[in-house]
Amino acid sequence: MPRHPARSQDQLRHAASRYATICARRRLQDRAPEEWAQAVAQLPADQRAETAAVIWWDFFSQRTSGQAWPQLDRYLAKRGHGLNQEQITTALMQCGYSRSQAARRLHRFFNRPPAYPYYERSHAHR
């Protein structure tokens, strides 16, 4: 008798999808900062600042100041052009993110709750 119950097709598909996501994330983590800078430089000028900001938060932000990667700094100093979620998703895909990675990453940003919902409710009557 098998030690583990048989897995359903849905469970197997989910496991395969999760494994593919982990592998794709690892490939992105293994990229050199120069590769990221080159990928951002190939984007249209109006998409560079916001796309670089997302990449910086995902892969550069955890480094200490002594280990900082300055390759994206020139884009971070520029003001974004107010791109929508689909435009940034497309730009991230051009930089190597999969569609699901880009969509999941941006979903957290574009669909987050207000920063101070308690404050807004409690002071609405003033």
Protein backbone atom coordinates (compact mmCIF):
# COMPACT_ATOMS: atom_id res chain seq x y z
CA MET A 1 0.00 0.00 0.00
CA PRO A 2 1.41 3.45 -0.92
CA ARG A 3 2.53 5.68 1.92
CA HIS A 4 0.99 8.80 0.39
CA PRO A 5 -2.46 9.04 -1.15
CA ALA A 6 -2.60 9.50 -4.89
CA ARG A 7 -2.56 13.12 -5.94
CA SER A 8 -5.28 14.55 -8.11
CA GLN A 9 -4.52 16.08 -11.49
CA ASP A 10 -5.23 19.53 -10.04
CA GLN A 11 -2.73 18.98 -7.25
CA LEU A 12 -0.11 17.82 -9.74
CA ARG A 13 -0.75 20.82 -12.02
CA HIS A 14 -0.51 23.16 -9.05
CA ALA A 15 2.77 21.59 -7.90
CA ALA A 16 4.23 21.83 -11.42
CA SER A 17 3.12 25.45 -11.71
CA ARG A 18 4.62 26.30 -8.32
CA TYR A 19 7.90 24.62 -9.27
CA ALA A 20 8.03 26.56 -12.55
CA THR A 21 7.40 29.81 -10.65
CA ILE A 22 10.21 29.07 -8.20
CA CYS A 23 12.61 28.25 -11.05
CA ALA A 24 11.68 31.44 -12.92
CA ARG A 25 12.16 33.53 -9.77
CA ARG A 26 15.56 31.93 -9.17
CA ARG A 27 16.63 32.75 -12.76
CA LEU A 28 15.72 36.37 -12.15
CA GLN A 29 17.56 36.43 -8.81
CA ASP A 30 20.69 35.07 -10.48
CA ARG A 31 20.85 37.90 -13.02
CA ALA A 32 23.75 40.30 -12.66
CA PRO A 33 22.92 43.96 -12.03
CA GLU A 34 24.40 44.85 -15.40
CA GLU A 35 21.90 42.52 -17.08
CA TRP A 36 19.04 44.29 -15.31
CA ALA A 37 20.38 47.69 -16.35
CA GLN A 38 20.71 46.53 -19.95
CA ALA A 39 17.15 45.15 -19.96
CA VAL A 40 15.76 48.43 -18.57
CA ALA A 41 17.80 50.48 -21.06
CA GLN A 42 16.12 48.63 -23.94
CA LEU A 43 12.65 49.75 -22.83
CA PRO A 44 10.99 52.87 -24.24
CA ALA A 45 12.14 55.94 -22.30
CA ASP A 46 8.74 56.58 -20.69
CA GLN A 47 8.68 53.08 -19.15
CA ARG A 48 12.17 52.95 -17.66
CA ALA A 49 11.71 54.79 -14.35
CA GLU A 50 8.69 52.87 -13.08
CA THR A 51 9.93 49.51 -14.32
CA ALA A 52 13.35 50.10 -12.76
CA ALA A 53 11.67 50.97 -9.46
CA VAL A 54 9.82 47.63 -9.38
CA ILE A 55 12.98 45.70 -10.28
CA TRP A 56 14.96 47.63 -7.68
CA TRP A 57 12.47 46.74 -4.94
CA ASP A 58 12.39 43.10 -6.01
CA PHE A 59 16.12 42.46 -6.44
CA PHE A 60 18.28 45.40 -5.29
CA SER A 61 16.61 46.72 -2.13
CA GLN A 62 17.78 44.00 0.29
CA ARG A 63 21.44 44.87 -0.16
CA THR A 64 23.25 46.89 2.49
CA SER A 65 24.81 50.22 1.59
CA GLY A 66 28.26 48.62 1.43
CA GLN A 67 26.97 46.07 -1.10
CA ALA A 68 24.67 48.39 -3.03
CA TRP A 69 24.23 47.93 -6.77
CA PRO A 70 24.10 51.40 -8.38
CA GLN A 71 23.20 50.20 -11.89
CA LEU A 72 19.56 51.32 -11.70
CA ASP A 73 20.10 54.52 -9.71
CA ARG A 74 19.95 56.79 -12.77
CA TYR A 75 16.40 55.60 -13.49
CA LEU A 76 15.24 55.88 -9.89
CA ALA A 77 16.01 59.58 -9.76
CA LYS A 78 13.58 60.27 -12.62
CA ARG A 79 9.88 60.85 -12.26
CA GLY A 80 7.57 58.15 -13.61
CA HIS A 81 5.03 58.78 -16.36
CA GLY A 82 2.02 57.35 -14.55
CA LEU A 83 1.91 54.03 -16.40
CA ASN A 84 -1.02 51.74 -15.77
CA GLN A 85 -0.79 48.15 -14.56
CA GLU A 86 -0.86 46.61 -18.04
CA GLN A 87 1.92 48.87 -19.33
CA ILE A 88 4.22 48.03 -16.41
CA THR A 89 3.35 44.32 -16.71
CA THR A 90 4.39 44.40 -20.37
CA ALA A 91 7.62 46.24 -19.52
CA LEU A 92 8.48 43.74 -16.77
CA MET A 93 7.86 40.88 -19.19
CA GLN A 94 10.29 42.50 -21.64
CA CYS A 95 12.84 42.52 -18.80
CA GLY A 96 12.43 38.80 -18.11
CA TYR A 97 9.51 38.43 -15.71
CA SER A 98 6.88 35.89 -16.70
CA ARG A 99 3.34 37.24 -17.16
CA SER A 100 2.21 35.61 -13.91
CA GLN A 101 5.18 37.00 -11.96
CA ALA A 102 4.63 40.51 -13.26
CA ALA A 103 0.87 40.39 -12.71
CA ARG A 104 1.22 38.97 -9.19
CA ARG A 105 3.89 41.54 -8.31
CA LEU A 106 1.85 44.48 -9.56
CA HIS A 107 -1.43 43.20 -8.13
CA ARG A 108 -0.04 43.88 -4.64
CA PHE A 109 0.81 47.46 -5.64
CA PHE A 110 -2.27 48.46 -7.62
CA ASN A 111 -4.82 46.72 -5.39
CA ARG A 112 -3.50 47.53 -1.94
CA PRO A 113 -5.80 49.03 0.66
CA PRO A 114 -5.42 52.71 1.61
CA ALA A 115 -2.37 53.42 3.73
CA TYR A 116 -4.30 54.63 6.78
CA PRO A 117 -7.88 53.34 6.59
CA TYR A 118 -8.46 53.74 10.34
CA TYR A 119 -7.31 57.37 10.30
CA GLU A 120 -9.46 58.18 7.27
CA ARG A 121 -12.57 56.68 8.87
CA SER A 122 -12.03 58.16 12.32
CA HIS A 123 -11.36 61.67 11.03
CA ALA A 124 -13.92 61.76 8.22
CA HIS A 125 -16.41 63.76 10.30
CA ARG A 126 -13.98 66.66 10.91
